[in-house]
Protein backbone atom coordinates (compact mmCIF):
# COMPACT_ATOMS: atom_id res chain seq x y z
CA MET A 1 15.20 -15.00 12.35
CA SER A 2 18.15 -15.43 10.28
CA THR A 3 16.73 -18.70 8.47
CA ILE A 4 14.32 -16.69 6.94
CA LEU A 5 15.94 -13.81 5.88
CA ASP A 6 18.05 -16.62 4.00
CA ARG A 7 14.87 -18.00 2.58
CA ILE A 8 13.89 -14.78 1.20
CA GLU A 9 16.92 -14.36 -0.49
CA ARG A 10 16.86 -17.34 -2.01
CA GLU A 11 13.25 -16.58 -2.69
CA ALA A 12 13.94 -13.78 -4.72
CA GLU A 13 16.79 -15.66 -6.35
CA SER A 14 14.82 -18.07 -7.42
CA VAL A 15 11.85 -15.84 -8.41
CA TRP A 16 13.64 -12.98 -10.08
CA SER A 17 14.92 -16.22 -12.19
CA VAL A 18 11.79 -17.18 -13.28
CA LEU A 19 10.22 -13.62 -14.13
CA GLY A 20 13.52 -13.14 -16.08
CA HIS A 21 14.91 -10.49 -13.78
CA PRO A 22 12.77 -7.90 -13.78
CA ARG A 23 13.92 -4.26 -13.84
CA VAL A 24 12.73 -3.40 -9.61
CA ARG A 25 11.09 0.59 -9.33
CA SER A 26 10.40 0.17 -5.59
CA ILE A 27 11.27 -1.47 -2.77
CA TYR A 28 9.00 -2.04 0.30
CA PHE A 29 9.76 -3.67 3.96
CA GLY A 30 6.68 -3.84 5.63
CA GLY A 31 3.31 -5.52 6.26
CA GLY A 32 4.63 -6.55 9.64
CA THR A 33 7.15 -4.77 11.97
CA PRO A 34 10.92 -5.20 10.19
CA SER A 35 12.50 -2.92 12.66
CA VAL A 36 12.11 -5.78 15.51
CA LEU A 37 15.27 -6.94 13.31
CA ALA A 38 18.59 -7.19 14.71
CA PRO A 39 20.21 -4.24 13.23
CA ASP A 40 23.55 -6.54 12.61
CA LEU A 41 21.20 -9.09 10.54
CA LEU A 42 19.71 -6.66 8.56
CA ASP A 43 23.51 -4.96 7.68
CA ALA A 44 23.86 -8.56 6.78
CA PHE A 45 20.80 -9.35 4.87
CA LEU A 46 20.36 -6.29 3.16
CA PRO A 47 23.07 -6.11 1.05
CA ARG A 48 22.43 -9.87 -0.43
CA PHE A 49 18.82 -8.73 -0.98
CA ARG A 50 20.02 -6.05 -3.14
CA ARG A 51 22.24 -8.16 -4.68
CA ALA A 52 19.36 -11.24 -5.19
CA ILE A 53 17.18 -8.52 -7.12
CA GLY A 54 20.11 -7.63 -9.50
CA LEU A 55 19.48 -3.88 -7.86
CA PRO A 56 22.65 -2.31 -8.54
CA GLU A 57 24.58 0.07 -5.33
CA SER A 58 23.96 3.28 -7.50
CA SER A 59 20.02 2.81 -8.16
CA ALA A 60 18.19 5.39 -6.80
CA VAL A 61 14.67 3.36 -6.92
CA GLU A 62 12.52 4.47 -3.99
CA TRP A 63 13.18 1.75 -0.84
CA SER A 64 10.57 2.03 2.18
CA PHE A 65 10.51 0.60 5.29
CA GLU A 66 8.29 0.48 7.91
CA ALA A 67 9.31 0.81 11.82
CA ASN A 68 7.28 1.06 15.17
CA PRO A 69 8.65 3.62 17.66
CA GLU A 70 10.16 1.65 20.15
CA SER A 71 12.52 -0.14 17.77
CA THR A 72 13.70 3.14 15.84
CA THR A 73 16.89 3.34 16.70
CA GLU A 74 19.81 4.97 15.82
CA GLU A 75 21.87 1.58 14.96
CA LEU A 76 19.27 0.67 12.93
CA LEU A 77 18.58 4.01 11.22
CA GLY A 78 22.51 4.07 10.30
CA VAL A 79 22.02 0.24 9.03
CA LEU A 80 19.34 1.63 6.70
CA GLY A 81 20.61 4.70 5.73
CA ASP A 82 24.00 2.45 4.65
CA HIS A 83 22.07 0.26 2.20
CA GLY A 84 19.64 2.75 0.63
CA VAL A 85 16.88 2.74 2.13
CA ASN A 86 15.25 6.47 1.62
CA ARG A 87 11.56 6.19 2.62
CA LEU A 88 10.90 5.39 6.39
CA SER A 89 7.09 4.93 8.00
CA ILE A 90 6.89 5.12 11.64
CA GLY A 91 3.68 3.54 12.94
CA VAL A 92 2.97 6.20 15.54
CA GLN A 93 -1.13 5.73 15.61
CA SER A 94 -1.08 8.67 18.66
CA PHE A 95 0.38 10.51 20.83
CA GLN A 96 -2.22 10.00 23.62
CA ASN A 97 -0.96 7.52 26.05
CA HIS A 98 -4.42 6.57 27.37
CA LEU A 99 -5.36 5.76 23.61
CA LEU A 100 -1.74 3.76 22.74
CA GLY A 101 -3.10 1.48 25.88
CA PHE A 102 -5.99 0.56 24.93
CA LEU A 103 -4.26 -0.16 21.54
CA GLY A 104 -1.93 -2.39 23.25
CA ARG A 105 1.05 -0.31 21.82
CA ARG A 106 4.46 -0.64 23.36
CA ALA A 107 5.29 3.01 23.00
CA ASP A 108 4.18 5.56 24.44
CA ARG A 109 3.66 9.38 23.31
CA SER A 110 7.82 10.02 24.79
CA ALA A 111 8.91 6.78 22.52
CA SER A 112 7.31 7.89 19.54
CA LEU A 113 8.78 11.64 20.03
CA LEU A 114 11.97 10.11 20.90
CA ALA A 115 11.96 8.02 17.25
CA LEU A 116 10.69 10.53 15.03
CA GLU A 117 13.75 13.38 16.48
CA ARG A 118 15.92 9.99 15.60
CA ALA A 119 14.48 9.92 12.12
CA SER A 120 14.97 13.66 12.04
CA GLY A 121 18.75 13.30 12.48
CA HIS A 122 18.74 11.04 9.43
CA ARG A 123 17.12 12.76 6.96
CA ASP A 124 20.19 13.60 5.05
CA ARG A 125 19.91 10.13 3.74
CA ILE A 126 16.80 8.78 4.79
CA PRO A 127 14.74 11.63 3.20
CA HIS A 128 11.27 10.43 3.28
CA LEU A 129 9.67 10.45 6.46
CA SER A 130 5.84 9.35 6.95
CA ILE A 131 4.02 9.00 9.77
CA ASP A 132 0.87 6.35 10.53
CA LEU A 133 -1.97 8.39 12.29
CA MET A 134 -5.63 6.67 13.53
CA THR A 135 -8.59 7.60 14.15
CA GLY A 136 -11.99 5.87 15.63
CA VAL A 137 -10.19 4.77 18.64
CA PRO A 138 -12.52 3.96 21.90
CA GLY A 139 -12.34 7.08 23.79
CA GLN A 140 -10.77 9.81 21.50
CA THR A 141 -12.12 13.03 21.38
CA THR A 142 -11.77 15.73 18.90
CA ALA A 143 -9.18 17.26 20.92
CA ASP A 144 -6.98 14.05 20.76
CA VAL A 145 -7.02 14.08 16.83
CA GLN A 146 -6.12 17.74 16.95
CA GLU A 147 -2.79 17.59 19.03
CA ASP A 148 -2.08 14.29 17.04
CA VAL A 149 -2.46 15.73 13.69
CA ARG A 150 -0.54 19.16 14.66
CA LEU A 151 2.41 17.26 16.80
CA ALA A 152 2.89 15.06 13.56
CA ILE A 153 3.32 17.84 11.35
CA ALA A 154 5.67 19.49 13.52
CA GLN A 155 7.94 16.43 13.39
CA GLY A 156 9.00 17.76 9.76
CA PRO A 157 7.17 14.47 7.81
CA ASP A 158 6.62 14.92 4.05
CA HIS A 159 3.33 12.29 4.43
CA ILE A 160 1.19 10.91 6.84
CA SER A 161 -1.37 7.92 6.14
CA LEU A 162 -4.62 8.26 8.41
CA TYR A 163 -6.60 5.00 8.95
CA SER A 164 -9.72 4.77 11.12
CA LEU A 165 -9.43 1.50 13.87
CA THR A 166 -10.81 -1.35 12.03
CA VAL A 167 -11.73 -4.70 14.63
CA GLU A 168 -10.03 -7.58 13.10
CA GLU A 169 -11.18 -10.85 14.03
CA ARG A 170 -9.71 -13.46 16.66
CA THR A 171 -8.06 -10.12 18.21
CA PRO A 172 -8.51 -8.94 22.09
CA LEU A 173 -10.20 -5.76 20.35
CA ALA A 174 -12.51 -7.58 18.83
CA GLN A 175 -13.23 -9.88 22.08
CA ALA A 176 -13.47 -6.42 24.28
CA VAL A 177 -16.43 -5.38 20.96
CA ALA A 178 -18.21 -8.30 21.59
CA VAL A 179 -18.66 -7.88 24.89
CA ARG A 180 -19.39 -3.86 25.07
CA PRO A 181 -20.80 -3.16 21.62
CA ARG A 182 -20.69 0.65 22.50
CA LEU A 183 -16.86 0.56 22.86
CA LEU A 184 -16.24 1.98 19.51
CA PRO A 185 -17.42 5.08 18.45
CA GLY A 186 -20.76 5.13 15.84
CA THR A 187 -20.64 5.82 12.28
CA THR A 188 -21.35 9.44 12.41
CA ALA A 189 -18.67 9.82 15.26
CA GLY A 190 -15.94 7.96 13.83
CA GLU A 191 -16.16 9.85 10.32
CA SER A 192 -16.00 12.95 12.28
CA LEU A 193 -13.08 12.02 13.86
CA TRP A 194 -11.35 11.18 10.41
CA LEU A 195 -12.55 14.00 8.69
CA THR A 196 -11.64 16.77 11.67
CA ALA A 197 -7.69 15.10 11.01
CA SER A 198 -8.23 15.31 7.24
CA GLU A 199 -9.34 18.65 7.29
CA LEU A 200 -6.54 19.81 9.50
CA LEU A 201 -3.40 18.21 6.92
CA GLN A 202 -5.00 19.97 4.15
CA HIS A 203 -5.06 23.18 5.93
CA GLU A 204 -0.96 22.46 6.36
CA SER A 205 -0.59 21.60 2.73
CA PHE A 206 -0.82 18.04 2.64
CA ALA A 207 -2.56 16.73 -0.73
CA TRP A 208 -5.42 14.00 0.13
CA TYR A 209 -3.59 12.20 -2.66
CA GLU A 210 -5.60 8.57 -1.75
CA ILE A 211 -7.98 7.64 0.33
CA SER A 212 -5.94 7.61 3.41
CA ASN A 213 -2.91 9.22 2.61
CA PHE A 214 -1.48 13.07 2.56
CA ALA A 215 1.63 14.11 1.35
CA ARG A 216 3.34 17.47 0.81
CA PRO A 217 4.41 18.13 -2.75
CA GLY A 218 6.99 15.28 -3.83
CA GLY A 219 6.34 13.25 -0.64
CA GLU A 220 4.09 10.69 -1.84
CA SER A 221 4.62 7.39 -1.96
CA VAL A 222 6.07 5.64 -5.24
CA HIS A 223 5.33 1.98 -3.95
CA ASN A 224 2.10 3.00 -3.17
CA GLN A 225 1.13 4.61 -6.49
CA GLY A 226 2.28 1.30 -8.27
CA TYR A 227 0.45 -0.07 -6.49
CA TRP A 228 -2.91 1.59 -7.04
CA THR A 229 -2.74 1.51 -10.60
CA LEU A 230 -2.18 -2.05 -10.76
CA ASP A 231 1.40 -2.64 -11.99
CA PRO A 232 2.71 -6.17 -11.40
CA TYR A 233 4.67 -6.36 -7.80
CA VAL A 234 6.22 -9.21 -6.41
CA GLY A 235 5.82 -10.44 -2.68
CA LEU A 236 8.41 -12.18 -1.07
CA GLY A 237 8.49 -13.45 2.89
CA PRO A 238 5.92 -15.26 4.84
CA GLY A 239 2.52 -14.27 3.93
CA ALA A 240 3.66 -11.93 0.64
CA VAL A 241 1.35 -11.85 -2.00
CA SER A 242 2.35 -11.29 -5.74
CA THR A 243 0.31 -10.32 -8.62
CA ILE A 244 2.06 -11.28 -12.28
CA PRO A 245 1.40 -11.85 -15.46
CA ALA A 246 1.83 -15.41 -16.14
CA MET A 247 2.74 -14.54 -19.80
CA PRO A 248 4.17 -10.75 -19.79
CA TRP A 249 6.39 -10.36 -23.01
CA SER A 250 6.61 -12.31 -26.62
CA SER A 251 10.07 -13.06 -27.78
CA SER A 252 9.88 -9.82 -29.88
CA GLY A 253 9.48 -8.11 -26.85
CA GLU A 254 5.98 -7.03 -27.77
CA PRO A 255 3.25 -7.47 -24.51
CA THR A 256 0.91 -10.42 -25.10
CA GLN A 257 -2.21 -11.89 -23.73
CA ALA A 258 -1.62 -12.84 -20.18
CA GLN A 259 -3.40 -14.58 -17.76
CA VAL A 260 -3.43 -12.90 -14.32
CA ILE A 261 -2.38 -14.59 -11.04
CA ARG A 262 -2.18 -13.62 -7.65
CA ILE A 263 0.06 -15.97 -5.51
CA LYS A 264 -0.08 -16.24 -1.82
CA ASN A 265 3.09 -17.43 0.53
CA PRO A 266 2.59 -19.64 3.55
CA GLY A 267 2.64 -18.29 6.56
CA LEU A 268 5.29 -17.95 8.84
CA PHE A 269 5.19 -21.51 10.15
CA LEU A 270 5.07 -23.16 7.06
CA TYR A 271 7.43 -20.77 5.44
CA LYS A 272 10.91 -22.82 7.04
CA PRO A 273 14.05 -23.71 5.14
CA GLY A 274 14.21 -26.50 2.53
CA PRO A 275 16.89 -27.76 0.30
CA THR A 276 16.07 -26.31 -2.68
CA PRO A 277 15.44 -22.45 -4.32
CA PHE A 278 11.91 -21.06 -2.99
CA GLY A 279 9.88 -22.08 -6.54
CA TRP A 280 6.76 -21.17 -7.58
CA ASP A 281 4.94 -24.83 -6.90
CA ASP A 282 6.09 -24.88 -3.06
CA PRO A 283 3.44 -26.65 -0.96
CA GLY A 284 1.72 -24.09 1.01
CA ARG A 285 1.68 -21.62 -2.06
CA GLU A 286 -1.80 -20.34 -2.51
CA THR A 287 -2.25 -19.54 -6.57
CA GLU A 288 -5.40 -18.09 -8.25
CA THR A 289 -5.65 -16.59 -11.61
CA ILE A 290 -7.79 -13.42 -11.55
CA SER A 291 -10.47 -13.37 -14.41
CA PRO A 292 -10.31 -10.79 -16.68
CA ARG A 293 -13.65 -9.19 -15.33
CA ASP A 294 -11.92 -9.32 -11.62
CA PHE A 295 -8.96 -7.41 -13.04
CA LEU A 296 -11.03 -4.71 -14.58
CA LEU A 297 -13.38 -4.25 -11.30
CA GLU A 298 -9.99 -3.99 -9.66
CA HIS A 299 -8.39 -1.47 -11.31
CA PHE A 300 -11.19 0.66 -10.28
CA ILE A 301 -11.09 -0.81 -6.25
CA THR A 302 -7.49 0.68 -6.50
CA GLY A 303 -7.80 3.59 -9.14
CA LEU A 304 -10.77 5.25 -7.67
CA ARG A 305 -9.22 5.54 -4.07
CA THR A 306 -6.74 7.90 -5.11
CA ALA A 307 -7.42 11.76 -6.50
CA ARG A 308 -5.55 10.84 -10.03
CA GLY A 309 -8.79 8.15 -10.59
CA VAL A 310 -8.18 5.86 -13.31
CA SER A 311 -6.70 5.91 -16.94
CA LEU A 312 -9.17 4.90 -19.75
CA SER A 313 -6.33 4.80 -22.12
CA ARG A 314 -4.67 2.21 -19.69
CA ILE A 315 -8.04 0.38 -19.37
CA GLU A 316 -8.06 0.29 -23.49
CA ARG A 317 -4.97 -0.46 -23.53
CA VAL A 318 -4.80 -3.42 -21.03
CA PHE A 319 -8.53 -4.76 -21.63
CA GLY A 320 -9.43 -3.25 -25.28
CA ALA A 321 -11.27 -0.37 -26.67
CA ARG A 322 -14.68 -2.18 -26.34
CA VAL A 323 -14.68 -2.24 -22.62
CA VAL A 324 -14.38 1.58 -22.05
CA VAL A 325 -17.25 1.98 -24.41
CA SER A 326 -19.26 -0.12 -22.65
CA LEU A 327 -17.88 1.36 -19.09
CA GLY A 328 -19.90 4.65 -20.86
CA GLN A 329 -23.29 4.43 -18.82
CA ILE A 330 -22.08 4.22 -15.48
CA LEU A 331 -19.46 7.01 -16.27
CA ARG A 332 -21.95 9.59 -17.38
CA GLU A 333 -24.65 8.75 -14.89
CA TRP A 334 -21.39 9.27 -11.90
CA GLU A 335 -20.96 12.47 -14.43
CA THR A 336 -24.76 13.81 -14.04
CA LYS A 337 -24.67 12.76 -10.37
CA GLY A 338 -21.38 15.08 -9.79
CA TYR A 339 -19.71 12.06 -8.53
CA LEU A 340 -16.81 12.63 -11.01
CA GLU A 341 -13.70 15.58 -10.21
CA ALA A 342 -14.12 15.50 -14.47
CA GLY A 343 -16.90 14.22 -16.39
CA LEU A 344 -16.36 11.97 -18.74
CA THR A 345 -16.34 14.64 -22.00
CA ALA A 346 -14.16 14.10 -25.73
CA GLY A 347 -11.11 13.05 -25.42
CA SER A 348 -11.27 12.01 -21.50
CA THR A 349 -8.61 10.08 -20.62
CA ARG A 350 -8.89 9.81 -16.56
CA VAL A 351 -12.09 9.22 -14.22
CA ALA A 352 -11.77 10.13 -10.86
CA MET A 353 -14.11 10.51 -8.13
CA VAL A 354 -14.63 13.67 -6.20
CA PRO A 355 -13.02 14.07 -2.49
CA GLU A 356 -16.60 13.36 -0.62
CA GLU A 357 -17.55 9.92 -3.42
CA ARG A 358 -14.15 8.54 -2.73
CA LEU A 359 -15.53 8.41 1.04
CA ARG A 360 -18.16 6.14 -0.36
CA LEU A 361 -16.33 3.85 -2.70
CA ASP A 362 -18.22 0.93 -1.57
CA ARG A 363 -21.40 2.11 -2.90
CA HIS A 364 -19.70 2.89 -6.43
CA LEU A 365 -17.86 -0.32 -6.73
CA VAL A 366 -21.38 -2.21 -6.50
CA ALA A 367 -22.98 -0.20 -9.17
CA LEU A 368 -19.87 -0.60 -11.32
CA ALA A 369 -19.58 -4.38 -10.67
CA GLY A 370 -23.39 -4.43 -11.57
CA GLN A 371 -22.50 -2.52 -15.11
CA ILE A 372 -19.55 -4.81 -15.75
CA ASP A 373 -21.57 -8.19 -15.12
CA GLN A 374 -24.08 -6.85 -18.14
CA PHE A 375 -20.64 -6.89 -20.83
CA GLU A 376 -20.13 -9.43 -23.17
CA SER A 377 -17.26 -11.61 -22.42
CA ILE A 378 -13.79 -9.74 -21.75
CA ASP A 379 -11.72 -12.32 -23.51
CA SER A 380 -8.21 -11.03 -23.38
CA VAL A 381 -5.90 -9.18 -21.22
CA ILE A 382 -2.56 -7.47 -22.24
CA TRP A 383 -0.81 -6.86 -19.25
CA PRO A 384 1.57 -4.83 -18.16
CA PRO A 385 0.50 -2.47 -20.54
CA SER A 386 3.28 -0.82 -22.50
CA PRO A 387 5.24 2.21 -20.33
CA ASP A 388 4.02 5.07 -21.57
CA SER A 389 0.81 3.91 -20.44
């Protein structure tokens, strides 16, 4: 495992050099379960990683770390606090042992409660605590969901993520569902379970600020908000994804026309240590240029998931005023049908869906994609836009 960490460190140094040493706004260790790493390995790696990306010791950026309950030890929490991690996300999923068994989770209710108790003892240095919960698990009842939410809230988190179970291909769950299709709750029953949890969270002053995320004031994830507004981001490590501008700035410091590129690292078994720093042209790395049309649609795919919605002033800065004018037809249609939080009126700078329509986002995106396909070509993208957008 240390060789993988060494590789990530070299990759970070190489990428930061290629990109001109960009300023870091947030860091997220996740996309897997980094808490399985031995604390002593993390203790050695985290300061090296900080140096590789040029992050000063005094920097107060949001630094998030995903953990499973069974690996949330006092030693791990001490190491994270020592090195500036200030947001912990614990994947509880449920406090019901019969559901955890079905999901194949290693932790039971008592292990999850112990992990959360330990986390509460480190809130002076790791102040933000997020808990992941899941609905739609076979055998789950309304009472199960209500108890899960109440137990989670009782642990004092400022953020809760609420997901519906999805069946991934080539997993034991997919195999079980193939044999017993009625194992999963129906669409209506599954939605009812999720809405039960959502309503209870909102009743307890957790704002529903994104389709799957709820937070008390000040508890929102800075990192995820940057992702939902499509700020550039760099992914490091096996299978990680980056979305960056190919030509972000001119020599005068002004934004230039840019290509948007998405880069996916090779998987774990191809992500091996080598004699040279990790460059953009390494074998196994997939690179894709995102067309202006697709990038415009992605702004709405991510932005309309959130309570804040999509900034039309940002769309204008990135894609040009003509694009905002061309969007007027479908936005006025959504306004007429009552889909929008704030109608498209004179001086509007943002478009956001009402909560119930956020849950039906897929069908709205299909309509939007059809509208975008009728545009004249979008010739260029200026991204990232100026910081005030």
